[in-house]
Amino acid sequence: MAIKTANNQSMSAITSLPSGVSAKSLILLATETASSSDTISFTSGIDSTYKEYIFKYMNIHPETDGASFTFQTDTGTNTSYNQTVTTSFFQAIHAEGDGSEEVSYNTGNDLAQSSSFQILTENISSDNDHGVSGTLHLFEPSSTTFVKHFIANPQYTSASNLCMQTFVAGYFNTTTAITRLQFKMSSGNIDAGTFKLYGVV
């Protein structure tokens, strides 16, 4: 197998990729800004145009201390956000005082053929300088053959001042096209934060 090389050696100066190499691009489709918002919903832009969609959420600040940050999906023009989902949930923890280090599976935050909202983070701190940031990938939501897989990786500070990173993945058990996605807190509003939806070319 031959090694493909770029047309010059400086990354900043590269003007074209080698033959047979393609670069993925993110196409910004929508931006939503939370301001004491009960929910943040993406009701358009999720269709058959792209096989992967990425949601980026930045500095999502809860109104209520200790709330969980959650999401769900729906099909067509439905607004129930109650698709059947099965998930796994594990987390890494480190305290500000250099203690409580652990990586653990959290059975209380996974779902098994449930129509509930999936927890992405739990027990979030509502301190003024704290929030949640991360990504959620949704794969081929328009498929009418396969279930709809997702992975999410948020990072945040807990109400007990723990640095926490969660790893959430699963699938929506439907072969109907998913067209909508909604974020919300388990308690109280989303006080502030920015959400962006990208299609992956």
Foldseek 3Di string as FASTA:
>chain_A
DDDFDFPDDDPVPGDDGGPPDDDKDWAWDDKDKDAQAQKDKDQADQEQPFQKKKKKWFFFAFPDAFWFKWKAFDADNDDPRFFFKFKWKWKFKAAPVGDPTDIGTDPVQTDDRGRDTHTQGGQAGNPPPWGKTWMKMWGRQQALPDWIKMWIWMWTAHNNRMTMIMIMIITRPHSHRIRMMMMHIPDGGRNIIMMIMIGMD
